[in-house]
């Protein structure tokens, strides 16, 4: 899927779907979005279909409607973005150093914990 950013409406739809449990119809997404913006049902339908064709959403036909769900979790998406950055070229150590300079102490502690857990799993 590469290092590709979502369009503005795609990002809103993905955030909404990531915050829900289970699958959602276009109607349910439209109903929620129209409470905060002026939007056409067909715009939401086209956006969700585009996200499906790009591989960001999966869908099943239930009766007459499609039920959509994210193809990956928000966290999996973020991890893929991070991996893509490292694979994009440049000096990986330098990229990591710049990243570490930008994160706060809390995130730094979380990163150290994750590395320790990963190292323990790898040594088993």
PDB file of N, CA and C in Angstrom:
ATOM      1  N   UNK A   1       0.811  -1.199   0.000  1.00  0.00           N
ATOM      2  CA  UNK A   1       0.000   0.000   0.000  1.00  0.00           C
ATOM      3  C   UNK A   1       0.853   1.262   0.000  1.00  0.00           C
ATOM      4  N   UNK A   2       2.129   1.141   0.279  1.00  0.00           N
ATOM      5  CA  UNK A   2       3.036   2.265   0.150  1.00  0.00           C
ATOM      6  C   UNK A   2       2.775   3.374   1.149  1.00  0.00           C
ATOM      7  N   UNK A   3       3.607   4.405   1.066  1.00  0.00           N
ATOM      8  CA  UNK A   3       3.473   5.568   1.939  1.00  0.00           C
ATOM      9  C   UNK A   3       2.538   6.544   1.248  1.00  0.00           C
ATOM     10  N   UNK A   4       1.268   6.261   1.356  1.00  0.00           N
ATOM     11  CA  UNK A   4       0.266   7.057   0.673  1.00  0.00           C
ATOM     12  C   UNK A   4      -0.657   7.621   1.740  1.00  0.00           C
ATOM     13  N   UNK A   5      -0.836   8.914   1.679  1.00  0.00           N
ATOM     14  CA  UNK A   5      -1.733   9.554   2.631  1.00  0.00           C
ATOM     15  C   UNK A   5      -3.164   9.442   2.119  1.00  0.00           C
ATOM     16  N   UNK A   6      -4.090   9.426   3.033  1.00  0.00           N
ATOM     17  CA  UNK A   6      -5.496   9.447   2.661  1.00  0.00           C
ATOM     18  C   UNK A   6      -5.871  10.858   2.241  1.00  0.00           C
ATOM     19  N   UNK A   7      -6.876  10.962   1.379  1.00  0.00           N
ATOM     20  CA  UNK A   7      -7.490  12.257   1.130  1.00  0.00           C
ATOM     21  C   UNK A   7      -8.226  12.689   2.384  1.00  0.00           C
ATOM     22  N   UNK A   8      -8.675  13.941   2.426  1.00  0.00           N
ATOM     23  CA  UNK A   8      -9.303  14.474   3.641  1.00  0.00           C
ATOM     24  C   UNK A   8     -10.531  13.665   4.043  1.00  0.00           C
ATOM     25  N   UNK A   9     -11.436  13.408   3.116  1.00  0.00           N
ATOM     26  CA  UNK A   9     -12.640  12.643   3.447  1.00  0.00           C
ATOM     27  C   UNK A   9     -12.304  11.175   3.715  1.00  0.00           C
ATOM     28  N   UNK A  10     -11.344  10.622   2.980  1.00  0.00           N
ATOM     29  CA  UNK A  10     -10.919   9.242   3.236  1.00  0.00           C
ATOM     30  C   UNK A  10     -10.403   9.093   4.666  1.00  0.00           C
ATOM     31  N   UNK A  11      -9.633  10.071   5.125  1.00  0.00           N
ATOM     32  CA  UNK A  11      -9.103  10.024   6.497  1.00  0.00           C
ATOM     33  C   UNK A  11     -10.223  10.083   7.523  1.00  0.00           C
ATOM     34  N   UNK A  12     -11.217  10.917   7.275  1.00  0.00           N
ATOM     35  CA  UNK A  12     -12.361  11.024   8.196  1.00  0.00           C
ATOM     36  C   UNK A  12     -13.115   9.695   8.247  1.00  0.00           C
ATOM     37  N   UNK A  13     -13.352   9.096   7.073  1.00  0.00           N
ATOM     38  CA  UNK A  13     -14.067   7.816   7.016  1.00  0.00           C
ATOM     39  C   UNK A  13     -13.264   6.721   7.713  1.00  0.00           C
ATOM     40  N   UNK A  14     -11.955   6.664   7.447  1.00  0.00           N
ATOM     41  CA  UNK A  14     -11.133   5.632   8.084  1.00  0.00           C
ATOM     42  C   UNK A  14     -11.120   5.815   9.605  1.00  0.00           C
ATOM     43  N   UNK A  15     -10.978   7.043  10.081  1.00  0.00           N
ATOM     44  CA  UNK A  15     -11.009   7.290  11.535  1.00  0.00           C
ATOM     45  C   UNK A  15     -12.328   6.819  12.132  1.00  0.00           C
ATOM     46  N   UNK A  16     -13.413   7.112  11.440  1.00  0.00           N
ATOM     47  CA  UNK A  16     -14.725   6.700  11.922  1.00  0.00           C
ATOM     48  C   UNK A  16     -14.819   5.167  11.975  1.00  0.00           C
ATOM     49  N   UNK A  17     -14.390   4.497  10.913  1.00  0.00           N
ATOM     50  CA  UNK A  17     -14.474   3.035  10.879  1.00  0.00           C
ATOM     51  C   UNK A  17     -13.522   2.391  11.888  1.00  0.00           C
ATOM     52  N   UNK A  18     -12.334   2.965  12.073  1.00  0.00           N
ATOM     53  CA  UNK A  18     -11.409   2.428  13.065  1.00  0.00           C
ATOM     54  C   UNK A  18     -11.978   2.563  14.477  1.00  0.00           C
ATOM     55  N   UNK A  19     -12.820   3.559  14.703  1.00  0.00           N
ATOM     56  CA  UNK A  19     -13.363   3.767  16.051  1.00  0.00           C
ATOM     57  C   UNK A  19     -14.556   2.857  16.346  1.00  0.00           C
ATOM     58  N   UNK A  20     -15.057   2.181  15.339  1.00  0.00           N
ATOM     59  CA  UNK A  20     -16.221   1.304  15.509  1.00  0.00           C
ATOM     60  C   UNK A  20     -15.792  -0.154  15.637  1.00  0.00           C
ATOM     61  N   UNK A  21     -16.662  -0.919  16.256  1.00  0.00           N
ATOM     62  CA  UNK A  21     -16.450  -2.371  16.285  1.00  0.00           C
ATOM     63  C   UNK A  21     -17.321  -2.983  15.207  1.00  0.00           C
ATOM     64  N   UNK A  22     -16.772  -3.892  14.458  1.00  0.00           N
ATOM     65  CA  UNK A  22     -17.547  -4.559  13.424  1.00  0.00           C
ATOM     66  C   UNK A  22     -17.661  -3.740  12.148  1.00  0.00           C
ATOM     67  N   UNK A  23     -18.483  -4.234  11.263  1.00  0.00           N
ATOM     68  CA  UNK A  23     -18.643  -3.619   9.946  1.00  0.00           C
ATOM     69  C   UNK A  23     -19.695  -2.516   9.977  1.00  0.00           C
ATOM     70  N   UNK A  24     -19.605  -1.621   8.988  1.00  0.00           N
ATOM     71  CA  UNK A  24     -20.535  -0.501   8.889  1.00  0.00           C
ATOM     72  C   UNK A  24     -21.045  -0.374   7.461  1.00  0.00           C
ATOM     73  N   UNK A  25     -22.256   0.078   7.337  1.00  0.00           N
ATOM     74  CA  UNK A  25     -22.816   0.345   6.012  1.00  0.00           C
ATOM     75  C   UNK A  25     -22.508   1.787   5.618  1.00  0.00           C
ATOM     76  N   UNK A  26     -22.652   2.058   4.338  1.00  0.00           N
ATOM     77  CA  UNK A  26     -22.511   3.433   3.852  1.00  0.00           C
ATOM     78  C   UNK A  26     -23.528   4.322   4.567  1.00  0.00           C
ATOM     79  N   UNK A  27     -24.743   3.819   4.736  1.00  0.00           N
ATOM     80  CA  UNK A  27     -25.802   4.602   5.387  1.00  0.00           C
ATOM     81  C   UNK A  27     -25.396   5.012   6.799  1.00  0.00           C
ATOM     82  N   UNK A  28     -24.837   4.092   7.574  1.00  0.00           N
ATOM     83  CA  UNK A  28     -24.471   4.429   8.959  1.00  0.00           C
ATOM     84  C   UNK A  28     -23.331   5.453   8.995  1.00  0.00           C
ATOM     85  N   UNK A  29     -22.394   5.335   8.071  1.00  0.00           N
ATOM     86  CA  UNK A  29     -21.295   6.308   8.007  1.00  0.00           C
ATOM     87  C   UNK A  29     -21.844   7.662   7.566  1.00  0.00           C
ATOM     88  N   UNK A  30     -22.681   7.654   6.550  1.00  0.00           N
ATOM     89  CA  UNK A  30     -23.309   8.892   6.061  1.00  0.00           C
ATOM     90  C   UNK A  30     -24.094   9.581   7.178  1.00  0.00           C
ATOM     91  N   UNK A  31     -24.903   8.805   7.896  1.00  0.00           N
ATOM     92  CA  UNK A  31     -25.719   9.385   8.976  1.00  0.00           C
ATOM     93  C   UNK A  31     -24.847  10.063  10.023  1.00  0.00           C
ATOM     94  N   UNK A  32     -23.720   9.460  10.337  1.00  0.00           N
ATOM     95  CA  UNK A  32     -22.835  10.070  11.336  1.00  0.00           C
ATOM     96  C   UNK A  32     -22.132  11.307  10.777  1.00  0.00           C
ATOM     97  N   UNK A  33     -21.689  11.234   9.532  1.00  0.00           N
ATOM     98  CA  UNK A  33     -20.967  12.367   8.940  1.00  0.00           C
ATOM     99  C   UNK A  33     -21.864  13.582   8.713  1.00  0.00           C
ATOM    100  N   UNK A  34     -23.097  13.357   8.330  1.00  0.00           N
ATOM    101  CA  UNK A  34     -23.959  14.501   8.014  1.00  0.00           C
ATOM    102  C   UNK A  34     -24.321  15.308   9.255  1.00  0.00           C
ATOM    103  N   UNK A  35     -24.064  14.752  10.429  1.00  0.00           N
ATOM    104  CA  UNK A  35     -24.270  15.519  11.656  1.00  0.00           C
ATOM    105  C   UNK A  35     -23.231  16.608  11.843  1.00  0.00           C
ATOM    106  N   UNK A  36     -22.079  16.482  11.179  1.00  0.00           N
ATOM    107  CA  UNK A  36     -21.015  17.455  11.364  1.00  0.00           C
ATOM    108  C   UNK A  36     -20.595  18.165  10.075  1.00  0.00           C
ATOM    109  N   UNK A  37     -21.163  17.742   8.936  1.00  0.00           N
ATOM    110  CA  UNK A  37     -20.804  18.377   7.660  1.00  0.00           C
ATOM    111  C   UNK A  37     -21.917  18.189   6.656  1.00  0.00           C
ATOM    112  N   UNK A  38     -21.922  19.070   5.679  1.00  0.00           N
ATOM    113  CA  UNK A  38     -22.891  18.942   4.601  1.00  0.00           C
ATOM    114  C   UNK A  38     -22.265  18.013   3.560  1.00  0.00           C
ATOM    115  N   UNK A  39     -22.895  16.849   3.354  1.00  0.00           N
ATOM    116  CA  UNK A  39     -22.309  15.836   2.484  1.00  0.00           C
ATOM    117  C   UNK A  39     -23.415  15.013   1.841  1.00  0.00           C
ATOM    118  N   UNK A  40     -23.159  14.561   0.633  1.00  0.00           N
ATOM    119  CA  UNK A  40     -24.137  13.745  -0.086  1.00  0.00           C
ATOM    120  C   UNK A  40     -23.871  12.266   0.194  1.00  0.00           C
ATOM    121  N   UNK A  41     -24.943  11.497   0.223  1.00  0.00           N
ATOM    122  CA  UNK A  41     -24.833  10.052   0.418  1.00  0.00           C
ATOM    123  C   UNK A  41     -23.920   9.441  -0.642  1.00  0.00           C
ATOM    124  N   UNK A  42     -24.071   9.880  -1.896  1.00  0.00           N
ATOM    125  CA  UNK A  42     -23.267   9.307  -2.991  1.00  0.00           C
ATOM    126  C   UNK A  42     -21.787   9.623  -2.828  1.00  0.00           C
ATOM    127  N   UNK A  43     -21.451  10.728  -2.193  1.00  0.00           N
ATOM    128  CA  UNK A  43     -20.048  11.069  -1.930  1.00  0.00           C
ATOM    129  C   UNK A  43     -19.451  10.074  -0.939  1.00  0.00           C
ATOM    130  N   UNK A  44     -20.197   9.768   0.103  1.00  0.00           N
ATOM    131  CA  UNK A  44     -19.730   8.782   1.090  1.00  0.00           C
ATOM    132  C   UNK A  44     -19.614   7.415   0.430  1.00  0.00           C
ATOM    133  N   UNK A  45     -20.602   7.048  -0.374  1.00  0.00           N
ATOM    134  CA  UNK A  45     -20.581   5.757  -1.058  1.00  0.00           C
ATOM    135  C   UNK A  45     -19.359   5.657  -1.986  1.00  0.00           C
ATOM    136  N   UNK A  46     -19.096   6.689  -2.757  1.00  0.00           N
ATOM    137  CA  UNK A  46     -17.934   6.685  -3.663  1.00  0.00           C
ATOM    138  C   UNK A  46     -16.623   6.622  -2.890  1.00  0.00           C
ATOM    139  N   UNK A  47     -16.544   7.358  -1.802  1.00  0.00           N
ATOM    140  CA  UNK A  47     -15.324   7.363  -0.990  1.00  0.00           C
ATOM    141  C   UNK A  47     -15.057   5.977  -0.411  1.00  0.00           C
ATOM    142  N   UNK A  48     -16.092   5.334   0.120  1.00  0.00           N
ATOM    143  CA  UNK A  48     -15.911   4.000   0.700  1.00  0.00           C
ATOM    144  C   UNK A  48     -15.586   2.975  -0.382  1.00  0.00           C
ATOM    145  N   UNK A  49     -16.188   3.108  -1.551  1.00  0.00           N
ATOM    146  CA  UNK A  49     -15.859   2.216  -2.661  1.00  0.00           C
ATOM    147  C   UNK A  49     -14.414   2.421  -3.102  1.00  0.00           C
ATOM    148  N   UNK A  50     -13.961   3.669  -3.162  1.00  0.00           N
ATOM    149  CA  UNK A  50     -12.566   3.949  -3.512  1.00  0.00           C
ATOM    150  C   UNK A  50     -11.612   3.337  -2.487  1.00  0.00           C
ATOM    151  N   UNK A  51     -11.939   3.467  -1.203  1.00  0.00           N
ATOM    152  CA  UNK A  51     -11.095   2.870  -0.154  1.00  0.00           C
ATOM    153  C   UNK A  51     -11.075   1.349  -0.288  1.00  0.00           C
ATOM    154  N   UNK A  52     -12.187   0.759  -0.679  1.00  0.00           N
ATOM    155  CA  UNK A  52     -12.232  -0.684  -0.922  1.00  0.00           C
ATOM    156  C   UNK A  52     -11.320  -1.048  -2.092  1.00  0.00           C
ATOM    157  N   UNK A  53     -11.429  -0.319  -3.207  1.00  0.00           N
ATOM    158  CA  UNK A  53     -10.616  -0.635  -4.387  1.00  0.00           C
ATOM    159  C   UNK A  53      -9.125  -0.415  -4.133  1.00  0.00           C
ATOM    160  N   UNK A  54      -8.788   0.495  -3.224  1.00  0.00           N
ATOM    161  CA  UNK A  54      -7.385   0.747  -2.877  1.00  0.00           C
ATOM    162  C   UNK A  54      -6.854  -0.272  -1.872  1.00  0.00           C
ATOM    163  N   UNK A  55      -7.746  -1.117  -1.328  1.00  0.00           N
ATOM    164  CA  UNK A  55      -7.317  -2.142  -0.386  1.00  0.00           C
ATOM    165  C   UNK A  55      -7.372  -1.741   1.071  1.00  0.00           C
ATOM    166  N   UNK A  56      -7.896  -0.560   1.376  1.00  0.00           N
ATOM    167  CA  UNK A  56      -7.970  -0.103   2.762  1.00  0.00           C
ATOM    168  C   UNK A  56      -9.185  -0.664   3.487  1.00  0.00           C
ATOM    169  N   UNK A  57     -10.239  -0.997   2.729  1.00  0.00           N
ATOM    170  CA  UNK A  57     -11.451  -1.558   3.321  1.00  0.00           C
ATOM    171  C   UNK A  57     -11.746  -2.919   2.704  1.00  0.00           C
ATOM    172  N   UNK A  58     -12.390  -3.761   3.499  1.00  0.00           N
ATOM    173  CA  UNK A  58     -12.948  -5.020   3.011  1.00  0.00           C
ATOM    174  C   UNK A  58     -14.457  -4.870   3.095  1.00  0.00           C
ATOM    175  N   UNK A  59     -15.176  -5.657   2.304  1.00  0.00           N
ATOM    176  CA  UNK A  59     -16.632  -5.553   2.359  1.00  0.00           C
ATOM    177  C   UNK A  59     -17.281  -6.890   2.054  1.00  0.00           C
ATOM    178  N   UNK A  60     -18.477  -7.044   2.611  1.00  0.00           N
ATOM    179  CA  UNK A  60     -19.324  -8.209   2.370  1.00  0.00           C
ATOM    180  C   UNK A  60     -20.701  -7.693   2.009  1.00  0.00           C
ATOM    181  N   UNK A  61     -21.339  -8.362   1.071  1.00  0.00           N
ATOM    182  CA  UNK A  61     -22.706  -7.987   0.708  1.00  0.00           C
ATOM    183  C   UNK A  61     -23.657  -8.716   1.649  1.00  0.00           C
ATOM    184  N   UNK A  62     -24.469  -7.955   2.340  1.00  0.00           N
ATOM    185  CA  UNK A  62     -25.477  -8.490   3.253  1.00  0.00           C
ATOM    186  C   UNK A  62     -26.810  -7.926   2.787  1.00  0.00           C
ATOM    187  N   UNK A  63     -27.627  -8.781   2.212  1.00  0.00           N
ATOM    188  CA  UNK A  63     -28.874  -8.296   1.615  1.00  0.00           C
ATOM    189  C   UNK A  63     -28.545  -7.419   0.426  1.00  0.00           C
ATOM    190  N   UNK A  64     -29.037  -6.203   0.453  1.00  0.00           N
ATOM    191  CA  UNK A  64     -28.785  -5.277  -0.648  1.00  0.00           C
ATOM    192  C   UNK A  64     -27.601  -4.342  -0.390  1.00  0.00           C
ATOM    193  N   UNK A  65     -27.096  -4.331   0.837  1.00  0.00           N
ATOM    194  CA  UNK A  65     -26.055  -3.366   1.211  1.00  0.00           C
ATOM    195  C   UNK A  65     -24.710  -4.035   1.446  1.00  0.00           C
ATOM    196  N   UNK A  66     -23.654  -3.283   1.177  1.00  0.00           N
ATOM    197  CA  UNK A  66     -22.314  -3.726   1.540  1.00  0.00           C
ATOM    198  C   UNK A  66     -22.037  -3.320   2.987  1.00  0.00           C
ATOM    199  N   UNK A  67     -21.350  -4.192   3.688  1.00  0.00           N
ATOM    200  CA  UNK A  67     -20.885  -3.902   5.041  1.00  0.00           C
ATOM    201  C   UNK A  67     -19.363  -3.812   4.970  1.00  0.00           C
ATOM    202  N   UNK A  68     -18.827  -2.635   5.328  1.00  0.00           N
ATOM    203  CA  UNK A  68     -17.401  -2.344   5.202  1.00  0.00           C
ATOM    204  C   UNK A  68     -16.704  -2.415   6.551  1.00  0.00           C
ATOM    205  N   UNK A  69     -15.452  -2.840   6.514  1.00  0.00           N
ATOM    206  CA  UNK A  69     -14.596  -2.845   7.704  1.00  0.00           C
ATOM    207  C   UNK A  69     -13.165  -2.580   7.250  1.00  0.00           C
ATOM    208  N   UNK A  70     -12.359  -1.968   8.105  1.00  0.00           N
ATOM    209  CA  UNK A  70     -10.962  -1.706   7.733  1.00  0.00           C
ATOM    210  C   UNK A  70     -10.211  -3.008   7.461  1.00  0.00           C
ATOM    211  N   UNK A  71      -9.340  -2.979   6.476  1.00  0.00           N
ATOM    212  CA  UNK A  71      -8.532  -4.148   6.134  1.00  0.00           C
ATOM    213  C   UNK A  71      -7.431  -4.373   7.165  1.00  0.00           C
ATOM    214  N   UNK A  72      -7.091  -3.329   7.921  1.00  0.00           N
ATOM    215  CA  UNK A  72      -6.097  -3.446   8.993  1.00  0.00           C
ATOM    216  C   UNK A  72      -6.459  -2.454  10.088  1.00  0.00           C
ATOM    217  N   UNK A  73      -5.918  -2.701  11.261  1.00  0.00           N
ATOM    218  CA  UNK A  73      -6.179  -1.792  12.375  1.00  0.00           C
ATOM    219  C   UNK A  73      -5.412  -0.486  12.163  1.00  0.00           C
ATOM    220  N   UNK A  74      -5.804   0.519  12.907  1.00  0.00           N
ATOM    221  CA  UNK A  74      -5.093   1.802  12.875  1.00  0.00           C
ATOM    222  C   UNK A  74      -3.618   1.588  13.229  1.00  0.00           C
ATOM    223  N   UNK A  75      -3.365   0.722  14.215  1.00  0.00           N
ATOM    224  CA  UNK A  75      -1.999   0.475  14.654  1.00  0.00           C
ATOM    225  C   UNK A  75      -1.186  -0.253  13.580  1.00  0.00           C
ATOM    226  N   UNK A  76      -1.814  -1.213  12.902  1.00  0.00           N
ATOM    227  CA  UNK A  76      -1.125  -1.902  11.803  1.00  0.00           C
ATOM    228  C   UNK A  76      -0.808  -0.914  10.678  1.00  0.00           C
ATOM    229  N   UNK A  77      -1.736  -0.025  10.390  1.00  0.00           N
ATOM    230  CA  UNK A  77      -1.511   1.003   9.364  1.00  0.00           C
ATOM    231  C   UNK A  77      -0.327   1.883   9.754  1.00  0.00           C
ATOM    232  N   UNK A  78      -0.301   2.327  11.007  1.00  0.00           N
ATOM    233  CA  UNK A  78       0.802   3.174  11.478  1.00  0.00           C
ATOM    234  C   UNK A  78       2.138   2.440  11.404  1.00  0.00           C
ATOM    235  N   UNK A  79       2.135   1.169  11.790  1.00  0.00           N
ATOM    236  CA  UNK A  79       3.373   0.376  11.725  1.00  0.00           C
ATOM    237  C   UNK A  79       3.844   0.232  10.278  1.00  0.00           C
ATOM    238  N   UNK A  80       2.905   0.038   9.350  1.00  0.00           N
ATOM    239  CA  UNK A  80       3.278  -0.058   7.934  1.00  0.00           C
ATOM    240  C   UNK A  80       3.873   1.248   7.433  1.00  0.00           C
ATOM    241  N   UNK A  81       3.326   2.382   7.886  1.00  0.00           N
ATOM    242  CA  UNK A  81       3.889   3.678   7.503  1.00  0.00           C
ATOM    243  C   UNK A  81       5.316   3.819   8.018  1.00  0.00           C
ATOM    244  N   UNK A  82       5.531   3.391   9.262  1.00  0.00           N
ATOM    245  CA  UNK A  82       6.879   3.475   9.837  1.00  0.00           C
ATOM    246  C   UNK A  82       7.856   2.596   9.059  1.00  0.00           C
ATOM    247  N   UNK A  83       7.436   1.377   8.735  1.00  0.00           N
ATOM    248  CA  UNK A  83       8.302   0.473   7.971  1.00  0.00           C
ATOM    249  C   UNK A  83       8.624   1.066   6.603  1.00  0.00           C
ATOM    250  N   UNK A  84       7.637   1.651   5.962  1.00  0.00           N
ATOM    251  CA  UNK A  84       7.828   2.237   4.639  1.00  0.00           C
ATOM    252  C   UNK A  84       8.846   3.370   4.685  1.00  0.00           C
ATOM    253  N   UNK A  85       8.825   4.148   5.750  1.00  0.00           N
ATOM    254  CA  UNK A  85       9.799   5.231   5.898  1.00  0.00           C
ATOM    255  C   UNK A  85      11.215   4.660   5.927  1.00  0.00           C
ATOM    256  N   UNK A  86      11.426   3.589   6.669  1.00  0.00           N
ATOM    257  CA  UNK A  86      12.759   2.986   6.744  1.00  0.00           C
ATOM    258  C   UNK A  86      13.184   2.384   5.419  1.00  0.00           C
ATOM    259  N   UNK A  87      12.227   1.890   4.642  1.00  0.00           N
ATOM    260  CA  UNK A  87      12.543   1.271   3.361  1.00  0.00           C
ATOM    261  C   UNK A  87      12.663   2.286   2.230  1.00  0.00           C
ATOM    262  N   UNK A  88      12.329   3.546   2.496  1.00  0.00           N
ATOM    263  CA  UNK A  88      12.276   4.556   1.443  1.00  0.00           C
ATOM    264  C   UNK A  88      13.646   5.057   1.022  1.00  0.00           C
ATOM    265  N   UNK A  89      14.661   4.657   1.724  1.00  0.00           N
ATOM    266  CA  UNK A  89      16.006   5.096   1.368  1.00  0.00           C
ATOM    267  C   UNK A  89      16.574   5.998   2.432  1.00  0.00           C
ATOM    268  N   UNK A  90      17.797   6.355   2.246  1.00  0.00           N
ATOM    269  CA  UNK A  90      18.463   7.176   3.241  1.00  0.00           C
ATOM    270  C   UNK A  90      19.081   6.295   4.312  1.00  0.00           C
ATOM    271  N   UNK A  91      19.746   6.922   5.216  1.00  0.00           N
ATOM    272  CA  UNK A  91      20.453   6.239   6.293  1.00  0.00           C
ATOM    273  C   UNK A  91      19.458   5.902   7.405  1.00  0.00           C
ATOM    274  N   UNK A  92      19.156   4.611   7.568  1.00  0.00           N
ATOM    275  CA  UNK A  92      18.175   4.171   8.556  1.00  0.00           C
ATOM    276  C   UNK A  92      18.515   4.620   9.965  1.00  0.00           C
ATOM    277  N   UNK A  93      19.791   4.572  10.326  1.00  0.00           N
ATOM    278  CA  UNK A  93      20.192   4.997  11.673  1.00  0.00           C
ATOM    279  C   UNK A  93      19.950   6.490  11.861  1.00  0.00           C
ATOM    280  N   UNK A  94      20.230   7.267  10.827  1.00  0.00           N
ATOM    281  CA  UNK A  94      20.010   8.707  10.898  1.00  0.00           C
ATOM    282  C   UNK A  94      18.513   9.022  10.990  1.00  0.00           C
ATOM    283  N   UNK A  95      17.715   8.304  10.209  1.00  0.00           N
ATOM    284  CA  UNK A  95      16.258   8.484  10.267  1.00  0.00           C
ATOM    285  C   UNK A  95      15.764   8.198  11.677  1.00  0.00           C
ATOM    286  N   UNK A  96      16.230   7.086  12.257  1.00  0.00           N
ATOM    287  CA  UNK A  96      15.816   6.714  13.606  1.00  0.00           C
ATOM    288  C   UNK A  96      16.264   7.757  14.632  1.00  0.00           C
ATOM    289  N   UNK A  97      17.471   8.268  14.490  1.00  0.00           N
ATOM    290  CA  UNK A  97      17.953   9.299  15.419  1.00  0.00           C
ATOM    291  C   UNK A  97      17.093  10.556  15.350  1.00  0.00           C
ATOM    292  N   UNK A  98      16.756  11.008  14.139  1.00  0.00           N
ATOM    293  CA  UNK A  98      15.891  12.178  14.005  1.00  0.00           C
ATOM    294  C   UNK A  98      14.529  11.922  14.653  1.00  0.00           C
ATOM    295  N   UNK A  99      14.002  10.711  14.458  1.00  0.00           N
ATOM    296  CA  UNK A  99      12.721  10.346  15.058  1.00  0.00           C
ATOM    297  C   UNK A  99      12.815  10.400  16.578  1.00  0.00           C
ATOM    298  N   UNK A 100      13.849   9.806  17.132  1.00  0.00           N
ATOM    299  CA  UNK A 100      13.997   9.753  18.587  1.00  0.00           C
ATOM    300  C   UNK A 100      14.152  11.140  19.199  1.00  0.00           C
ATOM    301  N   UNK A 101      14.762  12.062  18.465  1.00  0.00           N
ATOM    302  CA  UNK A 101      14.913  13.432  18.957  1.00  0.00           C
ATOM    303  C   UNK A 101      13.563  14.153  19.034  1.00  0.00           C
ATOM    304  N   UNK A 102      12.599  13.686  18.244  1.00  0.00           N
ATOM    305  CA  UNK A 102      11.310  14.370  18.163  1.00  0.00           C
ATOM    306  C   UNK A 102      10.257  13.829  19.126  1.00  0.00           C
ATOM    307  N   UNK A 103      10.451  12.629  19.666  1.00  0.00           N
ATOM    308  CA  UNK A 103       9.419  12.065  20.534  1.00  0.00           C
ATOM    309  C   UNK A 103       9.696  12.433  21.983  1.00  0.00           C
ATOM    310  N   UNK A 104       8.656  12.459  22.770  1.00  0.00           N
ATOM    311  CA  UNK A 104       8.774  12.814  24.173  1.00  0.00           C
ATOM    312  C   UNK A 104       9.234  11.633  25.015  1.00  0.00           C
ATOM    313  N   UNK A 105       9.424  11.899  26.280  1.00  0.00           N
ATOM    314  CA  UNK A 105       9.917  10.883  27.207  1.00  0.00           C
ATOM    315  C   UNK A 105       8.943   9.719  27.353  1.00  0.00           C
ATOM    316  N   UNK A 106       7.635  10.003  27.395  1.00  0.00           N
ATOM    317  CA  UNK A 106       6.635   8.930  27.510  1.00  0.00           C
ATOM    318  C   UNK A 106       6.707   7.977  26.325  1.00  0.00           C
ATOM    319  N   UNK A 107       6.747   8.543  25.116  1.00  0.00           N
ATOM    320  CA  UNK A 107       6.836   7.697  23.920  1.00  0.00           C
ATOM    321  C   UNK A 107       8.172   6.963  23.859  1.00  0.00           C
ATOM    322  N   UNK A 108       9.213   7.617  24.317  1.00  0.00           N
ATOM    323  CA  UNK A 108      10.529   6.979  24.352  1.00  0.00           C
ATOM    324  C   UNK A 108      10.511   5.764  25.283  1.00  0.00           C
ATOM    325  N   UNK A 109       9.851   5.890  26.427  1.00  0.00           N
ATOM    326  CA  UNK A 109       9.744   4.774  27.370  1.00  0.00           C
ATOM    327  C   UNK A 109       8.933   3.633  26.754  1.00  0.00           C
ATOM    328  N   UNK A 110       7.850   3.972  26.052  1.00  0.00           N
ATOM    329  CA  UNK A 110       7.040   2.950  25.383  1.00  0.00           C
ATOM    330  C   UNK A 110       7.861   2.220  24.324  1.00  0.00           C
ATOM    331  N   UNK A 111       8.678   2.963  23.595  1.00  0.00           N
ATOM    332  CA  UNK A 111       9.529   2.365  22.565  1.00  0.00           C
ATOM    333  C   UNK A 111      10.538   1.404  23.192  1.00  0.00           C
ATOM    334  N   UNK A 112      11.154   1.808  24.299  1.00  0.00           N
ATOM    335  CA  UNK A 112      12.109   0.916  24.976  1.00  0.00           C
ATOM    336  C   UNK A 112      11.419  -0.361  25.454  1.00  0.00           C
ATOM    337  N   UNK A 113      10.199  -0.242  25.991  1.00  0.00           N
ATOM    338  CA  UNK A 113       9.448  -1.418  26.438  1.00  0.00           C
ATOM    339  C   UNK A 113       9.141  -2.346  25.260  1.00  0.00           C
ATOM    340  N   UNK A 114       8.727  -1.776  24.155  1.00  0.00           N
ATOM    341  CA  UNK A 114       8.402  -2.583  22.973  1.00  0.00           C
ATOM    342  C   UNK A 114       9.636  -3.313  22.456  1.00  0.00           C
ATOM    343  N   UNK A 115      10.775  -2.646  22.473  1.00  0.00           N
ATOM    344  CA  UNK A 115      12.023  -3.287  22.020  1.00  0.00           C
ATOM    345  C   UNK A 115      12.389  -4.427  22.948  1.00  0.00           C
ATOM    346  N   UNK A 116      12.244  -4.213  24.253  1.00  0.00           N
ATOM    347  CA  UNK A 116      12.548  -5.290  25.212  1.00  0.00           C
ATOM    348  C   UNK A 116      11.634  -6.492  24.992  1.00  0.00           C
ATOM    349  N   UNK A 117      10.328  -6.241  24.801  1.00  0.00           N
ATOM    350  CA  UNK A 117       9.390  -7.341  24.554  1.00  0.00           C
ATOM    351  C   UNK A 117       9.731  -8.066  23.267  1.00  0.00           C
ATOM    352  N   UNK A 118      10.044  -7.343  22.246  1.00  0.00           N
ATOM    353  CA  UNK A 118      10.390  -7.933  20.957  1.00  0.00           C
ATOM    354  C   UNK A 118      11.664  -8.756  21.048  1.00  0.00           C
ATOM    355  N   UNK A 119      12.626  -8.261  21.788  1.00  0.00           N
ATOM    356  CA  UNK A 119      13.897  -8.975  21.966  1.00  0.00           C
ATOM    357  C   UNK A 119      13.678 -10.273  22.732  1.00  0.00           C
ATOM    358  N   UNK A 120      12.816 -10.216  23.758  1.00  0.00           N
ATOM    359  CA  UNK A 120      12.516 -11.434  24.530  1.00  0.00           C
ATOM    360  C   UNK A 120      11.816 -12.466  23.653  1.00  0.00           C
ATOM    361  N   UNK A 121      10.866 -12.023  22.822  1.00  0.00           N
ATOM    362  CA  UNK A 121      10.155 -12.960  21.934  1.00  0.00           C
ATOM    363  C   UNK A 121      11.116 -13.593  20.943  1.00  0.00           C
ATOM    364  N   UNK A 122      12.053 -12.802  20.446  1.00  0.00           N
ATOM    365  CA  UNK A 122      13.011 -13.313  19.456  1.00  0.00           C
ATOM    366  C   UNK A 122      14.005 -14.304  20.042  1.00  0.00           C
ATOM    367  N   UNK A 123      14.249 -14.234  21.344  1.00  0.00           N
ATOM    368  CA  UNK A 123      15.227 -15.124  21.958  1.00  0.00           C
ATOM    369  C   UNK A 123      14.612 -16.446  22.404  1.00  0.00           C
ATOM    370  N   UNK A 124      13.307 -16.588  22.262  1.00  0.00           N
ATOM    371  CA  UNK A 124      12.634 -17.832  22.673  1.00  0.00           C
ATOM    372  C   UNK A 124      12.803 -18.920  21.663  1.00  0.00           C
TER     373      UNK A 124
END
